[in-house]
Amino acid sequence: MEPAPMETDPQTSVTVMARLAMNGELLVKVHAGPDDTVAYLRTLVAEASGEQGSIWLLAGGRMLLDAERLLEVFGFDVTSCEVDVVRCKPVPSIAPPPAAPSNYRIFPRCALTGDRLGELTLWPMDSVAVLRSAVNMLLPDKPQQGEGPLQMLLDDEMLVGPMPIATAGLSDGCLVDVVRCEGRMISTASADGMVRLWSVESGELLLRLDQGAWVNSD
């Protein structure tokens, strides 16, 4: 709260010429006394000039910061002096929240034929794994047991890892190439004469082949 105006003794009053700091234009002339405060002078200048926002005053390149300090401390004990006026724009105390990201429209297509499989709508922070599951649901024949997983490419770069699709480089309206990998298996042999085929992806035993004699995996 600014202090109420005080009566200024005409015998000791100082003519203060307030100029805009940016261009030196004379803004207003006011009268204050050496015993008046910085806050009082700021009020005089603001009221006389019609300034609506906050202002700061400078004298001799020195900003008058202490609102309760007397003007005589800053050398206001002569018949006239000048101050520079700096206009300050109000700054909001709380920044507005960032806008929520819009959903991405993604168009998966077969990497071999270029045929589009459909359209997906995903949030930018959905993971690559969520995208892979959504693409799988678009396929007319879902991968069966023993078949390899789907792989996806964006501009010839494979999409892997748990990262969000936005971090992986996807954007609204982008095309994603889809490749269905062949099933991958590994075989083992043992002294019981049995050859076993295992799924690399699931670790499941797919097939047993009885050789009737000791075998090895060479």
N, C-alpha and C. Protein backbone atom coordinates (compact mmCIF):
# COMPACT_ATOMS: atom_id res chain seq x y z
N MET A 1 0.84 -1.19 0.00
CA MET A 1 0.00 0.00 0.00
C MET A 1 0.88 1.23 0.00
N GLU A 2 0.65 2.17 -0.95
CA GLU A 2 1.46 3.36 -1.05
C GLU A 2 1.07 4.33 0.07
N PRO A 3 2.05 5.09 0.63
CA PRO A 3 1.76 6.05 1.69
C PRO A 3 0.90 7.19 1.18
N ALA A 4 0.13 7.78 2.07
CA ALA A 4 -0.72 8.92 1.70
C ALA A 4 0.17 10.13 1.39
N PRO A 5 -0.25 10.99 0.44
CA PRO A 5 0.55 12.17 0.10
C PRO A 5 0.76 13.06 1.30
N MET A 6 1.95 13.61 1.40
CA MET A 6 2.30 14.50 2.51
C MET A 6 2.42 15.92 2.00
N GLU A 7 2.17 16.87 2.87
CA GLU A 7 2.33 18.26 2.52
C GLU A 7 3.81 18.59 2.35
N THR A 8 4.16 19.25 1.24
CA THR A 8 5.54 19.59 0.97
C THR A 8 5.77 21.07 1.21
N ASP A 9 6.75 21.37 2.03
CA ASP A 9 7.09 22.77 2.33
C ASP A 9 7.61 23.43 1.06
N PRO A 10 6.95 24.50 0.56
CA PRO A 10 7.41 25.15 -0.67
C PRO A 10 8.81 25.71 -0.56
N GLN A 11 9.26 26.00 0.69
CA GLN A 11 10.60 26.55 0.84
C GLN A 11 11.68 25.50 0.62
N THR A 12 11.33 24.22 0.85
CA THR A 12 12.33 23.15 0.73
C THR A 12 12.01 22.18 -0.40
N SER A 13 10.93 22.46 -1.15
CA SER A 13 10.52 21.51 -2.19
C SER A 13 11.55 21.46 -3.32
N VAL A 14 11.61 20.31 -3.94
CA VAL A 14 12.52 20.06 -5.05
C VAL A 14 11.68 19.76 -6.29
N THR A 15 12.00 20.41 -7.39
CA THR A 15 11.31 20.12 -8.65
C THR A 15 11.98 18.89 -9.27
N VAL A 16 11.19 17.83 -9.40
CA VAL A 16 11.71 16.57 -9.95
C VAL A 16 11.16 16.41 -11.37
N MET A 17 12.06 16.33 -12.33
CA MET A 17 11.67 16.11 -13.72
C MET A 17 11.83 14.62 -14.03
N ALA A 18 10.70 14.00 -14.28
CA ALA A 18 10.70 12.55 -14.55
C ALA A 18 10.72 12.32 -16.06
N ARG A 19 11.72 11.60 -16.53
CA ARG A 19 11.86 11.31 -17.95
C ARG A 19 11.80 9.80 -18.18
N LEU A 20 11.32 9.43 -19.36
CA LEU A 20 11.31 8.01 -19.71
C LEU A 20 12.74 7.54 -19.93
N ALA A 21 13.10 6.45 -19.29
CA ALA A 21 14.48 5.95 -19.39
C ALA A 21 14.82 5.50 -20.80
N MET A 22 13.82 5.07 -21.59
CA MET A 22 14.10 4.52 -22.91
C MET A 22 14.51 5.58 -23.92
N ASN A 23 13.86 6.78 -23.87
CA ASN A 23 14.15 7.78 -24.90
C ASN A 23 14.43 9.18 -24.35
N GLY A 24 14.38 9.35 -23.02
CA GLY A 24 14.67 10.65 -22.43
C GLY A 24 13.53 11.64 -22.52
N GLU A 25 12.37 11.23 -23.01
CA GLU A 25 11.23 12.14 -23.14
C GLU A 25 10.74 12.57 -21.75
N LEU A 26 10.50 13.88 -21.61
CA LEU A 26 10.01 14.40 -20.34
C LEU A 26 8.59 13.90 -20.12
N LEU A 27 8.38 13.19 -19.03
CA LEU A 27 7.08 12.59 -18.74
C LEU A 27 6.22 13.52 -17.90
N VAL A 28 6.82 14.06 -16.82
CA VAL A 28 6.06 14.92 -15.92
C VAL A 28 7.01 15.64 -14.99
N LYS A 29 6.56 16.77 -14.42
CA LYS A 29 7.29 17.48 -13.37
C LYS A 29 6.47 17.43 -12.09
N VAL A 30 7.11 17.08 -11.02
CA VAL A 30 6.44 17.02 -9.71
C VAL A 30 7.32 17.73 -8.69
N HIS A 31 6.73 18.01 -7.54
CA HIS A 31 7.45 18.67 -6.45
C HIS A 31 7.46 17.76 -5.23
N ALA A 32 8.62 17.55 -4.68
CA ALA A 32 8.78 16.71 -3.49
C ALA A 32 9.82 17.34 -2.59
N GLY A 33 9.83 16.92 -1.34
CA GLY A 33 10.79 17.44 -0.38
C GLY A 33 11.85 16.42 -0.04
N PRO A 34 12.99 16.87 0.43
CA PRO A 34 14.06 15.93 0.82
C PRO A 34 13.64 14.93 1.88
N ASP A 35 12.61 15.32 2.68
CA ASP A 35 12.15 14.43 3.74
C ASP A 35 11.07 13.47 3.27
N ASP A 36 10.65 13.59 2.01
CA ASP A 36 9.68 12.63 1.47
C ASP A 36 10.39 11.31 1.15
N THR A 37 9.60 10.26 1.03
CA THR A 37 10.17 8.93 0.78
C THR A 37 10.17 8.61 -0.71
N VAL A 38 10.91 7.57 -1.06
CA VAL A 38 10.94 7.09 -2.43
C VAL A 38 9.55 6.64 -2.86
N ALA A 39 8.82 5.96 -1.97
CA ALA A 39 7.48 5.48 -2.30
C ALA A 39 6.56 6.65 -2.61
N TYR A 40 6.70 7.75 -1.85
CA TYR A 40 5.86 8.92 -2.09
C TYR A 40 6.17 9.54 -3.45
N LEU A 41 7.45 9.65 -3.80
CA LEU A 41 7.83 10.19 -5.09
C LEU A 41 7.30 9.31 -6.22
N ARG A 42 7.39 8.01 -6.06
CA ARG A 42 6.88 7.09 -7.08
C ARG A 42 5.38 7.29 -7.28
N THR A 43 4.65 7.50 -6.14
CA THR A 43 3.21 7.74 -6.24
C THR A 43 2.92 9.04 -6.96
N LEU A 44 3.69 10.08 -6.67
CA LEU A 44 3.49 11.38 -7.33
C LEU A 44 3.68 11.25 -8.85
N VAL A 45 4.76 10.59 -9.25
CA VAL A 45 5.05 10.46 -10.68
C VAL A 45 3.97 9.64 -11.37
N ALA A 46 3.54 8.53 -10.75
CA ALA A 46 2.53 7.67 -11.36
C ALA A 46 1.20 8.40 -11.52
N GLU A 47 0.79 9.13 -10.47
CA GLU A 47 -0.50 9.84 -10.53
C GLU A 47 -0.45 10.99 -11.53
N ALA A 48 0.64 11.73 -11.53
CA ALA A 48 0.73 12.90 -12.40
C ALA A 48 0.83 12.50 -13.87
N SER A 49 1.44 11.35 -14.14
CA SER A 49 1.62 10.91 -15.53
C SER A 49 0.52 10.00 -16.02
N GLY A 50 -0.34 9.54 -15.09
CA GLY A 50 -1.42 8.63 -15.48
C GLY A 50 -0.97 7.22 -15.76
N GLU A 51 0.22 6.83 -15.26
CA GLU A 51 0.71 5.47 -15.47
C GLU A 51 -0.18 4.47 -14.74
N GLN A 52 -0.58 3.42 -15.46
CA GLN A 52 -1.45 2.40 -14.89
C GLN A 52 -0.68 1.23 -14.29
N GLY A 53 0.47 0.89 -14.89
CA GLY A 53 1.26 -0.23 -14.39
C GLY A 53 2.29 0.21 -13.36
N SER A 54 3.13 -0.73 -12.98
CA SER A 54 4.18 -0.44 -12.02
C SER A 54 5.31 0.35 -12.69
N ILE A 55 5.96 1.21 -11.92
CA ILE A 55 7.11 1.95 -12.43
C ILE A 55 8.25 1.86 -11.43
N TRP A 56 9.48 2.01 -11.95
CA TRP A 56 10.68 2.10 -11.12
C TRP A 56 11.37 3.40 -11.45
N LEU A 57 12.05 3.96 -10.45
CA LEU A 57 12.73 5.23 -10.63
C LEU A 57 14.23 5.04 -10.50
N LEU A 58 14.98 5.77 -11.34
CA LEU A 58 16.43 5.76 -11.29
C LEU A 58 16.93 7.19 -11.17
N ALA A 59 17.96 7.37 -10.36
CA ALA A 59 18.59 8.68 -10.21
C ALA A 59 20.09 8.50 -10.40
N GLY A 60 20.64 9.16 -11.41
CA GLY A 60 22.06 9.03 -11.68
C GLY A 60 22.47 7.61 -12.01
N GLY A 61 21.58 6.86 -12.67
CA GLY A 61 21.86 5.47 -13.01
C GLY A 61 21.68 4.50 -11.88
N ARG A 62 21.23 4.99 -10.74
CA ARG A 62 21.05 4.15 -9.54
C ARG A 62 19.56 3.96 -9.30
N MET A 63 19.11 2.71 -9.20
CA MET A 63 17.70 2.44 -8.99
C MET A 63 17.32 2.73 -7.55
N LEU A 64 16.21 3.44 -7.37
CA LEU A 64 15.72 3.78 -6.03
C LEU A 64 14.85 2.64 -5.54
N LEU A 65 15.46 1.71 -4.80
CA LEU A 65 14.78 0.49 -4.42
C LEU A 65 14.11 0.57 -3.06
N ASP A 66 14.73 1.22 -2.10
CA ASP A 66 14.20 1.25 -0.73
C ASP A 66 13.06 2.24 -0.66
N ALA A 67 11.81 1.72 -0.62
CA ALA A 67 10.63 2.59 -0.70
C ALA A 67 10.51 3.53 0.48
N GLU A 68 11.02 3.17 1.65
CA GLU A 68 10.85 3.98 2.85
C GLU A 68 12.03 4.93 3.09
N ARG A 69 13.04 4.87 2.23
CA ARG A 69 14.20 5.75 2.44
C ARG A 69 13.88 7.17 2.01
N LEU A 70 14.42 8.16 2.74
CA LEU A 70 14.17 9.56 2.43
C LEU A 70 14.93 9.97 1.18
N LEU A 71 14.34 10.91 0.45
CA LEU A 71 14.94 11.35 -0.81
C LEU A 71 16.28 12.03 -0.61
N GLU A 72 16.47 12.69 0.55
CA GLU A 72 17.73 13.40 0.77
C GLU A 72 18.93 12.44 0.76
N VAL A 73 18.68 11.17 1.06
CA VAL A 73 19.75 10.18 1.04
C VAL A 73 20.28 10.02 -0.38
N PHE A 74 19.42 10.21 -1.36
CA PHE A 74 19.80 10.05 -2.76
C PHE A 74 20.20 11.37 -3.42
N GLY A 75 20.35 12.42 -2.60
CA GLY A 75 20.81 13.70 -3.14
C GLY A 75 19.71 14.64 -3.56
N PHE A 76 18.46 14.40 -3.13
CA PHE A 76 17.35 15.29 -3.47
C PHE A 76 17.29 16.46 -2.49
N ASP A 77 18.35 17.24 -2.41
CA ASP A 77 18.38 18.38 -1.49
C ASP A 77 18.74 19.67 -2.22
N VAL A 78 18.53 19.68 -3.55
CA VAL A 78 18.76 20.87 -4.35
C VAL A 78 17.42 21.33 -4.93
N THR A 79 17.42 22.41 -5.67
CA THR A 79 16.15 22.96 -6.14
C THR A 79 15.51 22.12 -7.24
N SER A 80 16.30 21.41 -8.02
CA SER A 80 15.73 20.57 -9.08
C SER A 80 16.64 19.39 -9.35
N CYS A 81 16.05 18.31 -9.82
CA CYS A 81 16.81 17.11 -10.18
C CYS A 81 15.98 16.30 -11.16
N GLU A 82 16.59 15.27 -11.71
CA GLU A 82 15.93 14.43 -12.69
C GLU A 82 15.94 12.98 -12.24
N VAL A 83 14.88 12.27 -12.63
CA VAL A 83 14.82 10.83 -12.41
C VAL A 83 14.39 10.17 -13.72
N ASP A 84 14.86 8.97 -13.94
CA ASP A 84 14.44 8.18 -15.09
C ASP A 84 13.34 7.23 -14.65
N VAL A 85 12.36 7.07 -15.51
CA VAL A 85 11.20 6.23 -15.20
C VAL A 85 11.25 4.97 -16.08
N VAL A 86 11.17 3.83 -15.44
CA VAL A 86 11.14 2.55 -16.15
C VAL A 86 9.76 1.94 -15.96
N ARG A 87 9.08 1.69 -17.08
CA ARG A 87 7.77 1.05 -17.01
C ARG A 87 7.95 -0.46 -16.90
N CYS A 88 7.19 -1.08 -16.01
CA CYS A 88 7.29 -2.52 -15.78
C CYS A 88 5.97 -3.18 -16.14
N LYS A 89 6.03 -4.21 -16.96
CA LYS A 89 4.84 -4.98 -17.29
C LYS A 89 4.57 -5.98 -16.18
N PRO A 90 3.31 -6.16 -15.80
CA PRO A 90 3.00 -7.17 -14.77
C PRO A 90 3.32 -8.56 -15.26
N VAL A 91 3.89 -9.38 -14.41
CA VAL A 91 4.25 -10.77 -14.75
C VAL A 91 3.32 -11.70 -13.99
N PRO A 92 2.60 -12.59 -14.65
CA PRO A 92 1.71 -13.51 -13.93
C PRO A 92 2.49 -14.40 -12.98
N SER A 93 1.92 -14.63 -11.81
CA SER A 93 2.62 -15.43 -10.80
C SER A 93 2.59 -16.92 -11.12
N ILE A 94 1.60 -17.34 -11.88
CA ILE A 94 1.47 -18.76 -12.22
C ILE A 94 1.39 -18.89 -13.73
N ALA A 95 2.28 -19.66 -14.29
CA ALA A 95 2.27 -19.85 -15.74
C ALA A 95 1.09 -20.73 -16.13
N PRO A 96 0.46 -20.46 -17.27
CA PRO A 96 -0.65 -21.30 -17.70
C PRO A 96 -0.18 -22.72 -17.97
N PRO A 97 -1.00 -23.71 -17.70
CA PRO A 97 -0.58 -25.10 -17.94
C PRO A 97 -0.36 -25.35 -19.42
N PRO A 98 0.61 -26.20 -19.77
CA PRO A 98 0.84 -26.50 -21.18
C PRO A 98 -0.35 -27.25 -21.78
N ALA A 99 -0.58 -27.03 -23.04
CA ALA A 99 -1.68 -27.70 -23.72
C ALA A 99 -1.40 -29.20 -23.81
N ALA A 100 -2.45 -29.98 -23.60
CA ALA A 100 -2.30 -31.44 -23.69
C ALA A 100 -2.00 -31.83 -25.13
N PRO A 101 -1.07 -32.76 -25.34
CA PRO A 101 -0.75 -33.17 -26.72
C PRO A 101 -1.93 -33.87 -27.37
N SER A 102 -2.11 -33.63 -28.65
CA SER A 102 -3.19 -34.25 -29.40
C SER A 102 -2.81 -35.69 -29.77
N ASN A 103 -3.82 -36.51 -30.00
CA ASN A 103 -3.58 -37.88 -30.41
C ASN A 103 -2.96 -37.92 -31.81
N TYR A 104 -2.21 -38.99 -32.05
CA TYR A 104 -1.59 -39.21 -33.35
C TYR A 104 -2.46 -40.18 -34.16
N ARG A 105 -2.61 -39.88 -35.45
CA ARG A 105 -3.20 -40.84 -36.39
C ARG A 105 -2.04 -41.56 -37.08
N ILE A 106 -1.99 -42.87 -36.92
CA ILE A 106 -0.89 -43.67 -37.44
C ILE A 106 -1.45 -44.69 -38.44
N PHE A 107 -0.73 -44.83 -39.57
CA PHE A 107 -1.20 -45.71 -40.63
C PHE A 107 -0.19 -46.84 -40.85
N PRO A 108 -0.44 -48.02 -40.23
CA PRO A 108 0.44 -49.18 -40.48
C PRO A 108 0.21 -49.70 -41.90
N ARG A 109 1.28 -50.21 -42.52
CA ARG A 109 1.16 -50.80 -43.85
C ARG A 109 2.10 -52.00 -43.95
N CYS A 110 1.77 -52.91 -44.85
CA CYS A 110 2.62 -54.08 -45.08
C CYS A 110 3.92 -53.63 -45.74
N ALA A 111 5.04 -54.00 -45.14
CA ALA A 111 6.33 -53.57 -45.67
C ALA A 111 6.61 -54.17 -47.04
N LEU A 112 6.05 -55.35 -47.36
CA LEU A 112 6.33 -56.02 -48.63
C LEU A 112 5.48 -55.47 -49.78
N THR A 113 4.20 -55.20 -49.50
CA THR A 113 3.28 -54.79 -50.58
C THR A 113 2.94 -53.31 -50.54
N GLY A 114 3.14 -52.67 -49.40
CA GLY A 114 2.76 -51.27 -49.26
C GLY A 114 1.29 -51.06 -48.97
N ASP A 115 0.51 -52.15 -48.84
CA ASP A 115 -0.92 -52.04 -48.56
C ASP A 115 -1.14 -51.56 -47.13
N ARG A 116 -2.03 -50.60 -46.98
CA ARG A 116 -2.35 -50.12 -45.63
C ARG A 116 -3.20 -51.14 -44.90
N LEU A 117 -2.90 -51.29 -43.60
CA LEU A 117 -3.64 -52.24 -42.78
C LEU A 117 -4.80 -51.58 -42.06
N GLY A 118 -4.83 -50.28 -42.04
CA GLY A 118 -5.90 -49.56 -41.35
C GLY A 118 -5.36 -48.27 -40.76
N GLU A 119 -6.09 -47.72 -39.81
CA GLU A 119 -5.71 -46.47 -39.14
C GLU A 119 -5.81 -46.66 -37.63
N LEU A 120 -4.79 -46.15 -36.91
CA LEU A 120 -4.77 -46.22 -35.46
C LEU A 120 -4.74 -44.80 -34.89
N THR A 121 -5.35 -44.62 -33.73
CA THR A 121 -5.30 -43.35 -33.00
C THR A 121 -4.70 -43.63 -31.64
N LEU A 122 -3.51 -43.08 -31.41
CA LEU A 122 -2.80 -43.33 -30.16
C LEU A 122 -2.35 -42.00 -29.55
N TRP A 123 -2.22 -42.02 -28.23
CA TRP A 123 -1.68 -40.88 -27.50
C TRP A 123 -0.17 -40.83 -27.70
N PRO A 124 0.45 -39.66 -27.85
CA PRO A 124 1.90 -39.59 -28.07
C PRO A 124 2.74 -40.27 -27.01
N MET A 125 2.20 -40.40 -25.78
CA MET A 125 2.98 -41.02 -24.72
C MET A 125 2.74 -42.52 -24.60
N ASP A 126 1.88 -43.09 -25.49
CA ASP A 126 1.75 -44.55 -25.53
C ASP A 126 3.08 -45.15 -25.99
N SER A 127 3.37 -46.34 -25.50
CA SER A 127 4.66 -46.96 -25.79
C SER A 127 4.64 -47.67 -27.14
N VAL A 128 5.85 -48.03 -27.60
CA VAL A 128 5.99 -48.81 -28.83
C VAL A 128 5.29 -50.16 -28.67
N ALA A 129 5.32 -50.73 -27.46
CA ALA A 129 4.65 -52.01 -27.22
C ALA A 129 3.14 -51.88 -27.42
N VAL A 130 2.56 -50.76 -26.99
CA VAL A 130 1.12 -50.52 -27.21
C VAL A 130 0.83 -50.43 -28.70
N LEU A 131 1.71 -49.74 -29.43
CA LEU A 131 1.54 -49.65 -30.88
C LEU A 131 1.60 -51.03 -31.52
N ARG A 132 2.55 -51.86 -31.08
CA ARG A 132 2.67 -53.20 -31.67
C ARG A 132 1.40 -54.03 -31.42
N SER A 133 0.85 -53.94 -30.21
CA SER A 133 -0.38 -54.68 -29.90
C SER A 133 -1.55 -54.19 -30.75
N ALA A 134 -1.62 -52.86 -30.96
CA ALA A 134 -2.70 -52.30 -31.77
C ALA A 134 -2.57 -52.73 -33.22
N VAL A 135 -1.33 -52.76 -33.74
CA VAL A 135 -1.11 -53.21 -35.11
C VAL A 135 -1.50 -54.68 -35.25
N ASN A 136 -1.17 -55.48 -34.27
CA ASN A 136 -1.50 -56.91 -34.31
C ASN A 136 -3.01 -57.14 -34.46
N MET A 137 -3.80 -56.25 -33.81
CA MET A 137 -5.26 -56.40 -33.87
C MET A 137 -5.80 -56.03 -35.25
N LEU A 138 -5.02 -55.32 -36.06
CA LEU A 138 -5.47 -54.97 -37.41
C LEU A 138 -5.26 -56.08 -38.41
N LEU A 139 -4.41 -57.03 -38.09
CA LEU A 139 -4.07 -58.08 -39.05
C LEU A 139 -5.27 -59.01 -39.26
N PRO A 140 -5.55 -59.38 -40.50
CA PRO A 140 -6.69 -60.27 -40.76
C PRO A 140 -6.51 -61.65 -40.15
N ASP A 141 -5.26 -62.13 -40.12
CA ASP A 141 -4.97 -63.42 -39.48
C ASP A 141 -3.91 -63.17 -38.42
N LYS A 142 -4.31 -63.30 -37.17
CA LYS A 142 -3.41 -63.03 -36.06
C LYS A 142 -2.27 -64.05 -36.06
N PRO A 143 -1.07 -63.65 -35.61
CA PRO A 143 0.04 -64.61 -35.52
C PRO A 143 -0.35 -65.80 -34.66
N GLN A 144 -0.09 -66.99 -35.18
CA GLN A 144 -0.42 -68.19 -34.46
C GLN A 144 0.75 -68.64 -33.58
N GLN A 145 0.47 -69.64 -32.76
CA GLN A 145 1.49 -70.17 -31.87
C GLN A 145 2.68 -70.68 -32.68
N GLY A 146 3.88 -70.29 -32.30
CA GLY A 146 5.07 -70.73 -32.99
C GLY A 146 5.57 -69.73 -34.01
N GLU A 147 4.74 -68.74 -34.39
CA GLU A 147 5.18 -67.73 -35.33
C GLU A 147 5.92 -66.63 -34.59
N GLY A 148 6.82 -65.98 -35.32
CA GLY A 148 7.61 -64.92 -34.71
C GLY A 148 6.79 -63.66 -34.48
N PRO A 149 7.34 -62.68 -33.75
CA PRO A 149 6.61 -61.46 -33.43
C PRO A 149 6.58 -60.51 -34.62
N LEU A 150 5.79 -59.46 -34.47
CA LEU A 150 5.75 -58.40 -35.46
C LEU A 150 6.92 -57.44 -35.22
N GLN A 151 7.46 -56.95 -36.30
CA GLN A 151 8.46 -55.89 -36.21
C GLN A 151 7.93 -54.69 -36.99
N MET A 152 8.27 -53.50 -36.52
CA MET A 152 7.78 -52.27 -37.14
C MET A 152 8.96 -51.37 -37.47
N LEU A 153 8.84 -50.68 -38.60
CA LEU A 153 9.90 -49.80 -39.04
C LEU A 153 9.33 -48.42 -39.36
N LEU A 154 10.10 -47.41 -38.99
CA LEU A 154 9.77 -46.03 -39.32
C LEU A 154 10.95 -45.44 -40.08
N ASP A 155 10.74 -45.16 -41.36
CA ASP A 155 11.84 -44.64 -42.20
C ASP A 155 13.05 -45.57 -42.15
N ASP A 156 12.78 -46.88 -42.28
CA ASP A 156 13.83 -47.91 -42.31
C ASP A 156 14.53 -48.11 -40.97
N GLU A 157 14.04 -47.47 -39.90
CA GLU A 157 14.59 -47.68 -38.57
C GLU A 157 13.61 -48.52 -37.77
N MET A 158 14.12 -49.60 -37.13
CA MET A 158 13.25 -50.49 -36.38
C MET A 158 12.81 -49.82 -35.08
N LEU A 159 11.52 -49.97 -34.77
CA LEU A 159 10.96 -49.43 -33.54
C LEU A 159 11.08 -50.48 -32.44
N VAL A 160 11.91 -50.20 -31.46
CA VAL A 160 12.15 -51.14 -30.37
C VAL A 160 12.14 -50.39 -29.05
N GLY A 161 12.06 -51.16 -27.97
CA GLY A 161 12.19 -50.58 -26.64
C GLY A 161 10.87 -50.09 -26.08
N PRO A 162 10.88 -49.69 -24.80
CA PRO A 162 9.65 -49.28 -24.11
C PRO A 162 9.34 -47.79 -24.25
N MET A 163 10.06 -47.09 -25.12
CA MET A 163 9.92 -45.64 -25.21
C MET A 163 8.56 -45.23 -25.77
N PRO A 164 8.09 -44.00 -25.44
CA PRO A 164 6.85 -43.48 -26.04
C PRO A 164 7.02 -43.33 -27.55
N ILE A 165 5.90 -43.42 -28.27
CA ILE A 165 5.98 -43.34 -29.72
C ILE A 165 6.46 -41.97 -30.18
N ALA A 166 6.15 -40.91 -29.40
CA ALA A 166 6.63 -39.58 -29.78
C ALA A 166 8.15 -39.51 -29.69
N THR A 167 8.72 -40.13 -28.65
CA THR A 167 10.17 -40.17 -28.50
C THR A 167 10.81 -41.00 -29.60
N ALA A 168 10.10 -42.03 -30.06
CA ALA A 168 10.63 -42.91 -31.11
C ALA A 168 10.61 -42.24 -32.48
N GLY A 169 10.01 -41.05 -32.57
CA GLY A 169 10.03 -40.32 -33.83
C GLY A 169 8.72 -40.29 -34.58
N LEU A 170 7.68 -40.94 -34.06
CA LEU A 170 6.39 -40.93 -34.75
C LEU A 170 5.70 -39.57 -34.60
N SER A 171 4.87 -39.24 -35.55
CA SER A 171 4.12 -37.99 -35.52
C SER A 171 2.75 -38.24 -36.14
N ASP A 172 1.90 -37.23 -36.04
CA ASP A 172 0.55 -37.38 -36.57
C ASP A 172 0.58 -37.62 -38.08
N GLY A 173 -0.12 -38.68 -38.52
CA GLY A 173 -0.21 -38.98 -39.95
C GLY A 173 0.92 -39.80 -40.52
N CYS A 174 1.81 -40.32 -39.69
CA CYS A 174 2.98 -41.04 -40.22
C CYS A 174 2.61 -42.47 -40.62
N LEU A 175 3.45 -43.04 -41.49
CA LEU A 175 3.31 -44.41 -41.95
C LEU A 175 4.30 -45.30 -41.21
N VAL A 176 3.85 -46.47 -40.80
CA VAL A 176 4.70 -47.44 -40.12
C VAL A 176 4.68 -48.73 -40.92
N ASP A 177 5.85 -49.21 -41.33
CA ASP A 177 5.95 -50.47 -42.08
C ASP A 177 5.95 -51.63 -41.09
N VAL A 178 5.17 -52.66 -41.44
CA VAL A 178 4.99 -53.82 -40.56
C VAL A 178 5.57 -55.06 -41.23
N VAL A 179 6.38 -55.80 -40.48
CA VAL A 179 6.97 -57.05 -40.96
C VAL A 179 6.63 -58.14 -39.96
N ARG A 180 6.07 -59.25 -40.49
CA ARG A 180 5.84 -60.41 -39.62
C ARG A 180 7.00 -61.36 -39.77
N CYS A 181 7.72 -61.55 -38.67
CA CYS A 181 8.92 -62.39 -38.71
C CYS A 181 8.54 -63.88 -38.70
N GLU A 182 9.37 -64.68 -39.36
CA GLU A 182 9.18 -66.12 -39.30
C GLU A 182 9.49 -66.62 -37.89
N GLY A 183 8.84 -67.73 -37.56
CA GLY A 183 9.09 -68.30 -36.26
C GLY A 183 10.54 -68.74 -36.08
N ARG A 184 11.10 -68.50 -34.94
CA ARG A 184 12.49 -68.87 -34.68
C ARG A 184 12.53 -70.00 -33.66
N MET A 185 13.30 -71.05 -34.00
CA MET A 185 13.34 -72.22 -33.13
C MET A 185 14.81 -72.62 -32.89
N ILE A 186 15.00 -73.37 -31.83
CA ILE A 186 16.31 -73.92 -31.52
C ILE A 186 16.12 -75.39 -31.16
N SER A 187 17.09 -76.21 -31.55
CA SER A 187 16.99 -77.65 -31.28
C SER A 187 18.04 -78.06 -30.27
N THR A 188 17.69 -79.07 -29.48
CA THR A 188 18.64 -79.65 -28.52
C THR A 188 18.60 -81.17 -28.68
N ALA A 189 19.72 -81.80 -28.33
CA ALA A 189 19.81 -83.27 -28.38
C ALA A 189 20.44 -83.77 -27.09
N SER A 190 20.11 -85.00 -26.70
CA SER A 190 20.63 -85.51 -25.43
C SER A 190 20.84 -87.03 -25.52
N ALA A 191 21.39 -87.57 -24.44
CA ALA A 191 21.74 -88.99 -24.40
C ALA A 191 20.52 -89.89 -24.39
N ASP A 192 19.34 -89.35 -24.15
CA ASP A 192 18.14 -90.21 -24.16
C ASP A 192 17.63 -90.47 -25.57
N GLY A 193 18.37 -89.98 -26.60
CA GLY A 193 17.98 -90.22 -27.99
C GLY A 193 16.88 -89.30 -28.48
N MET A 194 16.57 -88.23 -27.73
CA MET A 194 15.46 -87.36 -28.08
C MET A 194 15.99 -86.02 -28.60
N VAL A 195 15.45 -85.60 -29.75
CA VAL A 195 15.72 -84.25 -30.28
C VAL A 195 14.50 -83.38 -29.98
N ARG A 196 14.73 -82.22 -29.43
CA ARG A 196 13.61 -81.33 -29.05
C ARG A 196 13.75 -79.99 -29.77
N LEU A 197 12.60 -79.45 -30.23
CA LEU A 197 12.54 -78.14 -30.86
C LEU A 197 11.83 -77.17 -29.93
N TRP A 198 12.47 -76.01 -29.71
CA TRP A 198 11.95 -75.02 -28.76
C TRP A 198 11.68 -73.69 -29.47
N SER A 199 10.65 -72.96 -29.00
CA SER A 199 10.38 -71.62 -29.50
C SER A 199 11.33 -70.63 -28.81
N VAL A 200 12.02 -69.84 -29.63
CA VAL A 200 12.94 -68.86 -29.05
C VAL A 200 12.18 -67.77 -28.30
N GLU A 201 10.99 -67.37 -28.84
CA GLU A 201 10.25 -66.27 -28.24
C GLU A 201 9.62 -66.65 -26.90
N SER A 202 8.98 -67.83 -26.87
CA SER A 202 8.22 -68.20 -25.67
C SER A 202 8.94 -69.20 -24.78
N GLY A 203 9.96 -69.89 -25.33
CA GLY A 203 10.62 -70.94 -24.55
C GLY A 203 9.83 -72.23 -24.48
N GLU A 204 8.74 -72.32 -25.22
CA GLU A 204 7.87 -73.50 -25.19
C GLU A 204 8.44 -74.62 -26.05
N LEU A 205 8.29 -75.87 -25.56
CA LEU A 205 8.69 -77.06 -26.32
C LEU A 205 7.68 -77.28 -27.43
N LEU A 206 8.14 -77.28 -28.69
CA LEU A 206 7.24 -77.39 -29.84
C LEU A 206 7.14 -78.81 -30.38
N LEU A 207 8.27 -79.56 -30.32
CA LEU A 207 8.27 -80.88 -30.98
C LEU A 207 9.33 -81.78 -30.36
N ARG A 208 9.01 -83.09 -30.26
CA ARG A 208 9.98 -84.10 -29.83
C ARG A 208 10.20 -85.09 -30.98
N LEU A 209 11.46 -85.39 -31.24
CA LEU A 209 11.80 -86.38 -32.27
C LEU A 209 12.64 -87.48 -31.62
N ASP A 210 12.08 -88.69 -31.54
CA ASP A 210 12.77 -89.81 -30.89
C ASP A 210 13.68 -90.49 -31.92
N GLN A 211 15.00 -90.42 -31.68
CA GLN A 211 15.97 -91.02 -32.61
C GLN A 211 16.33 -92.46 -32.24
N GLY A 212 15.93 -92.90 -31.07
CA GLY A 212 16.17 -94.27 -30.64
C GLY A 212 17.58 -94.58 -30.24
N ALA A 213 18.46 -93.61 -30.27
CA ALA A 213 19.85 -93.82 -29.87
C ALA A 213 20.42 -92.47 -29.41
N TRP A 214 21.57 -92.58 -28.76
CA TRP A 214 22.22 -91.36 -28.26
C TRP A 214 22.53 -90.43 -29.42
N VAL A 215 22.20 -89.11 -29.27
CA VAL A 215 22.49 -88.10 -30.28
C VAL A 215 23.11 -86.89 -29.62
N ASN A 216 23.83 -86.12 -30.45
CA ASN A 216 24.37 -84.85 -29.93
C ASN A 216 23.94 -83.73 -30.88
N SER A 217 24.28 -82.51 -30.55
CA SER A 217 23.80 -81.33 -31.29
C SER A 217 24.86 -80.76 -32.24
N ASP A 218 25.87 -81.56 -32.62
CA ASP A 218 26.88 -81.08 -33.57
C ASP A 218 26.25 -80.82 -34.94
